[in-house]
Amino acid sequence: MTTPDHIKSILDKASQDKWIKAIILRIDSPGGEVTATDLIYYDIRQFKEQKGIPVYVSLTGVACSGTYYIACAADKIYSYSL
């Protein structure tokens, strides 16, 4: 299970690595809690603004509710179905 703290720790680690050129999040989720979703959205937006590193989201499988809200924080959203 992914939590806002987990995502924040990944973004913090990426922000300290000079070799990171972009973040790609692969999301397959039916959504989640409103507060957790909003925290993840905010952390992604803050990361992009402070570091200037693009964030891309790949939606796979299920992408409902809060999943799409989180994806809206990205620079680009890619979605496909099988």
PDB file of N, CA and C in Angstrom:
ATOM      1  N   MET A   1       0.835  -1.177   0.000  1.00  0.00           N
ATOM      2  CA  MET A   1       0.000   0.000   0.000  1.00  0.00           C
ATOM      3  C   MET A   1       0.884   1.245   0.000  1.00  0.00           C
ATOM      4  N   THR A   2       0.565   2.175  -0.868  1.00  0.00           N
ATOM      5  CA  THR A   2       1.319   3.412  -0.952  1.00  0.00           C
ATOM      6  C   THR A   2       0.655   4.476  -0.090  1.00  0.00           C
ATOM      7  N   THR A   3       1.471   5.181   0.666  1.00  0.00           N
ATOM      8  CA  THR A   3       0.967   6.228   1.551  1.00  0.00           C
ATOM      9  C   THR A   3       1.566   7.574   1.131  1.00  0.00           C
ATOM     10  N   PRO A   4       0.975   8.667   1.583  1.00  0.00           N
ATOM     11  CA  PRO A   4       1.582   9.970   1.298  1.00  0.00           C
ATOM     12  C   PRO A   4       3.023  10.071   1.797  1.00  0.00           C
ATOM     13  N   ASP A   5       3.308   9.490   2.956  1.00  0.00           N
ATOM     14  CA  ASP A   5       4.679   9.520   3.479  1.00  0.00           C
ATOM     15  C   ASP A   5       5.645   8.777   2.566  1.00  0.00           C
ATOM     16  N   HIS A   6       5.193   7.660   2.011  1.00  0.00           N
ATOM     17  CA  HIS A   6       6.034   6.879   1.098  1.00  0.00           C
ATOM     18  C   HIS A   6       6.347   7.679  -0.166  1.00  0.00           C
ATOM     19  N   ILE A   7       5.338   8.296  -0.736  1.00  0.00           N
ATOM     20  CA  ILE A   7       5.544   9.103  -1.941  1.00  0.00           C
ATOM     21  C   ILE A   7       6.450  10.288  -1.632  1.00  0.00           C
ATOM     22  N   LYS A   8       6.228  10.947  -0.512  1.00  0.00           N
ATOM     23  CA  LYS A   8       7.065  12.094  -0.131  1.00  0.00           C
ATOM     24  C   LYS A   8       8.516  11.671   0.037  1.00  0.00           C
ATOM     25  N   SER A   9       8.764  10.518   0.639  1.00  0.00           N
ATOM     26  CA  SER A   9      10.147  10.063   0.821  1.00  0.00           C
ATOM     27  C   SER A   9      10.817   9.770  -0.522  1.00  0.00           C
ATOM     28  N   ILE A  10      10.067   9.232  -1.463  1.00  0.00           N
ATOM     29  CA  ILE A  10      10.616   8.976  -2.803  1.00  0.00           C
ATOM     30  C   ILE A  10      10.954  10.295  -3.490  1.00  0.00           C
ATOM     31  N   LEU A  11      10.054  11.263  -3.419  1.00  0.00           N
ATOM     32  CA  LEU A  11      10.303  12.567  -4.045  1.00  0.00           C
ATOM     33  C   LEU A  11      11.470  13.285  -3.371  1.00  0.00           C
ATOM     34  N   ASP A  12      11.569  13.193  -2.059  1.00  0.00           N
ATOM     35  CA  ASP A  12      12.693  13.803  -1.343  1.00  0.00           C
ATOM     36  C   ASP A  12      14.019  13.178  -1.769  1.00  0.00           C
ATOM     37  N   LYS A  13      14.031  11.875  -1.882  1.00  0.00           N
ATOM     38  CA  LYS A  13      15.251  11.179  -2.315  1.00  0.00           C
ATOM     39  C   LYS A  13      15.616  11.572  -3.740  1.00  0.00           C
ATOM     40  N   ALA A  14      14.623  11.642  -4.617  1.00  0.00           N
ATOM     41  CA  ALA A  14      14.867  12.024  -6.008  1.00  0.00           C
ATOM     42  C   ALA A  14      15.376  13.458  -6.116  1.00  0.00           C
ATOM     43  N   SER A  15      14.902  14.326  -5.254  1.00  0.00           N
ATOM     44  CA  SER A  15      15.316  15.726  -5.319  1.00  0.00           C
ATOM     45  C   SER A  15      16.780  15.914  -4.935  1.00  0.00           C
ATOM     46  N   GLN A  16      17.352  14.947  -4.235  1.00  0.00           N
ATOM     47  CA  GLN A  16      18.747  15.025  -3.812  1.00  0.00           C
ATOM     48  C   GLN A  16      19.698  14.329  -4.785  1.00  0.00           C
ATOM     49  N   ASP A  17      19.150  13.653  -5.776  1.00  0.00           N
ATOM     50  CA  ASP A  17      19.965  12.910  -6.742  1.00  0.00           C
ATOM     51  C   ASP A  17      20.111  13.727  -8.025  1.00  0.00           C
ATOM     52  N   LYS A  18      21.316  14.191  -8.306  1.00  0.00           N
ATOM     53  CA  LYS A  18      21.537  15.056  -9.468  1.00  0.00           C
ATOM     54  C   LYS A  18      21.340  14.336 -10.802  1.00  0.00           C
ATOM     55  N   TRP A  19      21.268  13.032 -10.787  1.00  0.00           N
ATOM     56  CA  TRP A  19      21.113  12.275 -12.026  1.00  0.00           C
ATOM     57  C   TRP A  19      19.649  12.061 -12.418  1.00  0.00           C
ATOM     58  N   ILE A  20      18.744  12.363 -11.536  1.00  0.00           N
ATOM     59  CA  ILE A  20      17.311  12.205 -11.831  1.00  0.00           C
ATOM     60  C   ILE A  20      16.888  13.290 -12.810  1.00  0.00           C
ATOM     61  N   LYS A  21      16.343  12.877 -13.943  1.00  0.00           N
ATOM     62  CA  LYS A  21      15.894  13.820 -14.974  1.00  0.00           C
ATOM     63  C   LYS A  21      14.377  13.892 -15.064  1.00  0.00           C
ATOM     64  N   ALA A  22      13.694  12.882 -14.545  1.00  0.00           N
ATOM     65  CA  ALA A  22      12.228  12.846 -14.562  1.00  0.00           C
ATOM     66  C   ALA A  22      11.756  11.776 -13.585  1.00  0.00           C
ATOM     67  N   ILE A  23      10.502  11.914 -13.185  1.00  0.00           N
ATOM     68  CA  ILE A  23       9.852  10.919 -12.338  1.00  0.00           C
ATOM     69  C   ILE A  23       8.725  10.306 -13.156  1.00  0.00           C
ATOM     70  N   ILE A  24       8.636   8.994 -13.132  1.00  0.00           N
ATOM     71  CA  ILE A  24       7.532   8.296 -13.782  1.00  0.00           C
ATOM     72  C   ILE A  24       6.785   7.516 -12.705  1.00  0.00           C
ATOM     73  N   LEU A  25       5.521   7.861 -12.530  1.00  0.00           N
ATOM     74  CA  LEU A  25       4.680   7.148 -11.570  1.00  0.00           C
ATOM     75  C   LEU A  25       3.744   6.234 -12.340  1.00  0.00           C
ATOM     76  N   ARG A  26       3.767   4.966 -12.037  1.00  0.00           N
ATOM     77  CA  ARG A  26       2.822   4.024 -12.635  1.00  0.00           C
ATOM     78  C   ARG A  26       1.742   3.755 -11.595  1.00  0.00           C
ATOM     79  N   ILE A  27       0.509   4.085 -11.955  1.00  0.00           N
ATOM     80  CA  ILE A  27      -0.583   3.984 -10.988  1.00  0.00           C
ATOM     81  C   ILE A  27      -1.659   3.029 -11.486  1.00  0.00           C
ATOM     82  N   ASP A  28      -2.032   2.112 -10.638  1.00  0.00           N
ATOM     83  CA  ASP A  28      -3.142   1.179 -10.875  1.00  0.00           C
ATOM     84  C   ASP A  28      -3.895   1.098  -9.551  1.00  0.00           C
ATOM     85  N   SER A  29      -4.951   1.910  -9.436  1.00  0.00           N
ATOM     86  CA  SER A  29      -5.631   2.016  -8.153  1.00  0.00           C
ATOM     87  C   SER A  29      -7.085   2.430  -8.338  1.00  0.00           C
ATOM     88  N   PRO A  30      -7.963   1.934  -7.486  1.00  0.00           N
ATOM     89  CA  PRO A  30      -9.358   2.367  -7.543  1.00  0.00           C
ATOM     90  C   PRO A  30      -9.588   3.704  -6.847  1.00  0.00           C
ATOM     91  N   GLY A  31      -8.553   4.329  -6.354  1.00  0.00           N
ATOM     92  CA  GLY A  31      -8.701   5.613  -5.676  1.00  0.00           C
ATOM     93  C   GLY A  31      -8.155   5.528  -4.276  1.00  0.00           C
ATOM     94  N   GLY A  32      -8.770   6.252  -3.371  1.00  0.00           N
ATOM     95  CA  GLY A  32      -8.286   6.235  -1.998  1.00  0.00           C
ATOM     96  C   GLY A  32      -8.971   7.298  -1.181  1.00  0.00           C
ATOM     97  N   GLU A  33      -8.420   7.542  -0.012  1.00  0.00           N
ATOM     98  CA  GLU A  33      -8.983   8.534   0.892  1.00  0.00           C
ATOM     99  C   GLU A  33      -8.708   9.947   0.369  1.00  0.00           C
ATOM    100  N   VAL A  34      -9.634  10.835   0.623  1.00  0.00           N
ATOM    101  CA  VAL A  34      -9.524  12.208   0.117  1.00  0.00           C
ATOM    102  C   VAL A  34      -8.280  12.908   0.643  1.00  0.00           C
ATOM    103  N   THR A  35      -8.030  12.821   1.927  1.00  0.00           N
ATOM    104  CA  THR A  35      -6.889  13.516   2.521  1.00  0.00           C
ATOM    105  C   THR A  35      -5.574  12.973   1.990  1.00  0.00           C
ATOM    106  N   ALA A  36      -5.431  11.665   1.921  1.00  0.00           N
ATOM    107  CA  ALA A  36      -4.198  11.057   1.414  1.00  0.00           C
ATOM    108  C   ALA A  36      -3.972  11.436  -0.043  1.00  0.00           C
ATOM    109  N   THR A  37      -5.021  11.397  -0.825  1.00  0.00           N
ATOM    110  CA  THR A  37      -4.923  11.756  -2.236  1.00  0.00           C
ATOM    111  C   THR A  37      -4.472  13.203  -2.391  1.00  0.00           C
ATOM    112  N   ASP A  38      -5.053  14.099  -1.618  1.00  0.00           N
ATOM    113  CA  ASP A  38      -4.704  15.510  -1.696  1.00  0.00           C
ATOM    114  C   ASP A  38      -3.266  15.755  -1.264  1.00  0.00           C
ATOM    115  N   LEU A  39      -2.794  15.042  -0.252  1.00  0.00           N
ATOM    116  CA  LEU A  39      -1.404  15.185   0.189  1.00  0.00           C
ATOM    117  C   LEU A  39      -0.422  14.757  -0.900  1.00  0.00           C
ATOM    118  N   ILE A  40      -0.726  13.656  -1.566  1.00  0.00           N
ATOM    119  CA  ILE A  40       0.148  13.179  -2.650  1.00  0.00           C
ATOM    120  C   ILE A  40       0.142  14.178  -3.802  1.00  0.00           C
ATOM    121  N   TYR A  41      -1.036  14.664  -4.172  1.00  0.00           N
ATOM    122  CA  TYR A  41      -1.156  15.670  -5.232  1.00  0.00           C
ATOM    123  C   TYR A  41      -0.297  16.891  -4.894  1.00  0.00           C
ATOM    124  N   TYR A  42      -0.442  17.395  -3.670  1.00  0.00           N
ATOM    125  CA  TYR A  42       0.308  18.573  -3.238  1.00  0.00           C
ATOM    126  C   TYR A  42       1.822  18.313  -3.275  1.00  0.00           C
ATOM    127  N   ASP A  43       2.268  17.160  -2.801  1.00  0.00           N
ATOM    128  CA  ASP A  43       3.699  16.852  -2.791  1.00  0.00           C
ATOM    129  C   ASP A  43       4.279  16.784  -4.201  1.00  0.00           C
ATOM    130  N   ILE A  44       3.527  16.238  -5.130  1.00  0.00           N
ATOM    131  CA  ILE A  44       3.996  16.176  -6.521  1.00  0.00           C
ATOM    132  C   ILE A  44       4.113  17.584  -7.091  1.00  0.00           C
ATOM    133  N   ARG A  45       3.091  18.405  -6.877  1.00  0.00           N
ATOM    134  CA  ARG A  45       3.119  19.784  -7.377  1.00  0.00           C
ATOM    135  C   ARG A  45       4.294  20.560  -6.773  1.00  0.00           C
ATOM    136  N   GLN A  46       4.496  20.421  -5.483  1.00  0.00           N
ATOM    137  CA  GLN A  46       5.576  21.120  -4.795  1.00  0.00           C
ATOM    138  C   GLN A  46       6.942  20.657  -5.319  1.00  0.00           C
ATOM    139  N   PHE A  47       7.105  19.348  -5.518  1.00  0.00           N
ATOM    140  CA  PHE A  47       8.345  18.792  -6.053  1.00  0.00           C
ATOM    141  C   PHE A  47       8.650  19.400  -7.420  1.00  0.00           C
ATOM    142  N   LYS A  48       7.660  19.427  -8.301  1.00  0.00           N
ATOM    143  CA  LYS A  48       7.864  19.972  -9.647  1.00  0.00           C
ATOM    144  C   LYS A  48       8.247  21.448  -9.603  1.00  0.00           C
ATOM    145  N   GLU A  49       7.569  22.223  -8.777  1.00  0.00           N
ATOM    146  CA  GLU A  49       7.833  23.655  -8.696  1.00  0.00           C
ATOM    147  C   GLU A  49       9.209  23.961  -8.108  1.00  0.00           C
ATOM    148  N   GLN A  50       9.603  23.223  -7.098  1.00  0.00           N
ATOM    149  CA  GLN A  50      10.874  23.493  -6.424  1.00  0.00           C
ATOM    150  C   GLN A  50      12.075  22.954  -7.187  1.00  0.00           C
ATOM    151  N   LYS A  51      11.917  21.790  -7.821  1.00  0.00           N
ATOM    152  CA  LYS A  51      13.067  21.134  -8.449  1.00  0.00           C
ATOM    153  C   LYS A  51      13.105  21.285  -9.966  1.00  0.00           C
ATOM    154  N   GLY A  52      11.984  21.602 -10.571  1.00  0.00           N
ATOM    155  CA  GLY A  52      11.955  21.728 -12.024  1.00  0.00           C
ATOM    156  C   GLY A  52      12.121  20.400 -12.749  1.00  0.00           C
ATOM    157  N   ILE A  53      11.886  19.325 -12.051  1.00  0.00           N
ATOM    158  CA  ILE A  53      11.993  17.983 -12.630  1.00  0.00           C
ATOM    159  C   ILE A  53      10.594  17.544 -13.060  1.00  0.00           C
ATOM    160  N   PRO A  54      10.426  17.141 -14.319  1.00  0.00           N
ATOM    161  CA  PRO A  54       9.087  16.747 -14.766  1.00  0.00           C
ATOM    162  C   PRO A  54       8.627  15.438 -14.142  1.00  0.00           C
ATOM    163  N   VAL A  55       7.316  15.347 -14.002  1.00  0.00           N
ATOM    164  CA  VAL A  55       6.681  14.141 -13.472  1.00  0.00           C
ATOM    165  C   VAL A  55       5.687  13.640 -14.513  1.00  0.00           C
ATOM    166  N   TYR A  56       5.797  12.366 -14.837  1.00  0.00           N
ATOM    167  CA  TYR A  56       4.897  11.728 -15.790  1.00  0.00           C
ATOM    168  C   TYR A  56       4.145  10.612 -15.076  1.00  0.00           C
ATOM    169  N   VAL A  57       2.889  10.427 -15.449  1.00  0.00           N
ATOM    170  CA  VAL A  57       2.074   9.381 -14.842  1.00  0.00           C
ATOM    171  C   VAL A  57       1.603   8.421 -15.922  1.00  0.00           C
ATOM    172  N   SER A  58       1.745   7.153 -15.648  1.00  0.00           N
ATOM    173  CA  SER A  58       1.227   6.096 -16.506  1.00  0.00           C
ATOM    174  C   SER A  58       0.099   5.409 -15.750  1.00  0.00           C
ATOM    175  N   LEU A  59      -1.115   5.555 -16.265  1.00  0.00           N
ATOM    176  CA  LEU A  59      -2.278   4.922 -15.647  1.00  0.00           C
ATOM    177  C   LEU A  59      -2.474   3.553 -16.283  1.00  0.00           C
ATOM    178  N   THR A  60      -2.455   2.533 -15.447  1.00  0.00           N
ATOM    179  CA  THR A  60      -2.623   1.170 -15.944  1.00  0.00           C
ATOM    180  C   THR A  60      -3.765   0.508 -15.191  1.00  0.00           C
ATOM    181  N   GLY A  61      -4.472  -0.359 -15.831  1.00  0.00           N
ATOM    182  CA  GLY A  61      -5.549  -1.073 -15.151  1.00  0.00           C
ATOM    183  C   GLY A  61      -6.644  -0.133 -14.700  1.00  0.00           C
ATOM    184  N   VAL A  62      -6.821  -0.031 -13.396  1.00  0.00           N
ATOM    185  CA  VAL A  62      -7.865   0.801 -12.809  1.00  0.00           C
ATOM    186  C   VAL A  62      -7.286   2.181 -12.495  1.00  0.00           C
ATOM    187  N   ALA A  63      -8.023   3.226 -12.853  1.00  0.00           N
ATOM    188  CA  ALA A  63      -7.584   4.595 -12.568  1.00  0.00           C
ATOM    189  C   ALA A  63      -8.819   5.433 -12.269  1.00  0.00           C
ATOM    190  N   CYS A  64      -9.333   5.292 -11.072  1.00  0.00           N
ATOM    191  CA  CYS A  64     -10.578   5.967 -10.693  1.00  0.00           C
ATOM    192  C   CYS A  64     -10.330   6.999  -9.604  1.00  0.00           C
ATOM    193  N   SER A  65     -11.271   7.901  -9.471  1.00  0.00           N
ATOM    194  CA  SER A  65     -11.384   8.790  -8.328  1.00  0.00           C
ATOM    195  C   SER A  65     -10.080   9.512  -8.022  1.00  0.00           C
ATOM    196  N   GLY A  66      -9.534   9.297  -6.847  1.00  0.00           N
ATOM    197  CA  GLY A  66      -8.325   9.977  -6.405  1.00  0.00           C
ATOM    198  C   GLY A  66      -7.117   9.689  -7.270  1.00  0.00           C
ATOM    199  N   THR A  67      -7.125   8.559  -7.947  1.00  0.00           N
ATOM    200  CA  THR A  67      -6.022   8.216  -8.837  1.00  0.00           C
ATOM    201  C   THR A  67      -5.874   9.263  -9.927  1.00  0.00           C
ATOM    202  N   TYR A  68      -6.983   9.632 -10.515  1.00  0.00           N
ATOM    203  CA  TYR A  68      -6.922  10.629 -11.584  1.00  0.00           C
ATOM    204  C   TYR A  68      -6.582  12.003 -11.015  1.00  0.00           C
ATOM    205  N   TYR A  69      -7.043  12.309  -9.830  1.00  0.00           N
ATOM    206  CA  TYR A  69      -6.699  13.583  -9.187  1.00  0.00           C
ATOM    207  C   TYR A  69      -5.186  13.676  -8.996  1.00  0.00           C
ATOM    208  N   ILE A  70      -4.565  12.619  -8.513  1.00  0.00           N
ATOM    209  CA  ILE A  70      -3.109  12.600  -8.360  1.00  0.00           C
ATOM    210  C   ILE A  70      -2.438  12.783  -9.713  1.00  0.00           C
ATOM    211  N   ALA A  71      -2.939  12.097 -10.718  1.00  0.00           N
ATOM    212  CA  ALA A  71      -2.353  12.185 -12.056  1.00  0.00           C
ATOM    213  C   ALA A  71      -2.387  13.610 -12.604  1.00  0.00           C
ATOM    214  N   CYS A  72      -3.383  14.372 -12.214  1.00  0.00           N
ATOM    215  CA  CYS A  72      -3.504  15.752 -12.700  1.00  0.00           C
ATOM    216  C   CYS A  72      -2.358  16.640 -12.225  1.00  0.00           C
ATOM    217  N   ALA A  73      -1.603  16.223 -11.240  1.00  0.00           N
ATOM    218  CA  ALA A  73      -0.445  16.987 -10.780  1.00  0.00           C
ATOM    219  C   ALA A  73       0.754  16.786 -11.708  1.00  0.00           C
ATOM    220  N   ALA A  74       0.702  15.791 -12.566  1.00  0.00           N
ATOM    221  CA  ALA A  74       1.825  15.465 -13.449  1.00  0.00           C
ATOM    222  C   ALA A  74       1.901  16.414 -14.643  1.00  0.00           C
ATOM    223  N   ASP A  75       3.042  16.385 -15.302  1.00  0.00           N
ATOM    224  CA  ASP A  75       3.219  17.167 -16.523  1.00  0.00           C
ATOM    225  C   ASP A  75       2.506  16.506 -17.698  1.00  0.00           C
ATOM    226  N   LYS A  76       2.521  15.186 -17.718  1.00  0.00           N
ATOM    227  CA  LYS A  76       1.832  14.431 -18.762  1.00  0.00           C
ATOM    228  C   LYS A  76       1.228  13.182 -18.164  1.00  0.00           C
ATOM    229  N   ILE A  77       0.087  12.775 -18.722  1.00  0.00           N
ATOM    230  CA  ILE A  77      -0.594  11.560 -18.284  1.00  0.00           C
ATOM    231  C   ILE A  77      -0.680  10.623 -19.470  1.00  0.00           C
ATOM    232  N   TYR A  78      -0.252   9.404 -19.264  1.00  0.00           N
ATOM    233  CA  TYR A  78      -0.365   8.375 -20.292  1.00  0.00           C
ATOM    234  C   TYR A  78      -1.306   7.298 -19.772  1.00  0.00           C
ATOM    235  N   SER A  79      -2.226   6.905 -20.615  1.00  0.00           N
ATOM    236  CA  SER A  79      -3.207   5.897 -20.207  1.00  0.00           C
ATOM    237  C   SER A  79      -3.403   4.919 -21.343  1.00  0.00           C
ATOM    238  N   TYR A  80      -3.515   3.668 -20.984  1.00  0.00           N
ATOM    239  CA  TYR A  80      -3.787   2.652 -21.994  1.00  0.00           C
ATOM    240  C   TYR A  80      -4.567   1.516 -21.357  1.00  0.00           C
ATOM    241  N   SER A  81      -5.263   0.811 -22.185  1.00  0.00           N
ATOM    242  CA  SER A  81      -5.989  -0.354 -21.692  1.00  0.00           C
ATOM    243  C   SER A  81      -5.623  -1.552 -22.553  1.00  0.00           C
ATOM    244  N   LEU A  82      -5.729  -2.698 -21.965  1.00  0.00           N
ATOM    245  CA  LEU A  82      -5.405  -3.933 -22.685  1.00  0.00           C
ATOM    246  C   LEU A  82      -6.645  -4.572 -23.239  1.00  0.00           C
TER     247      LEU A  82
END
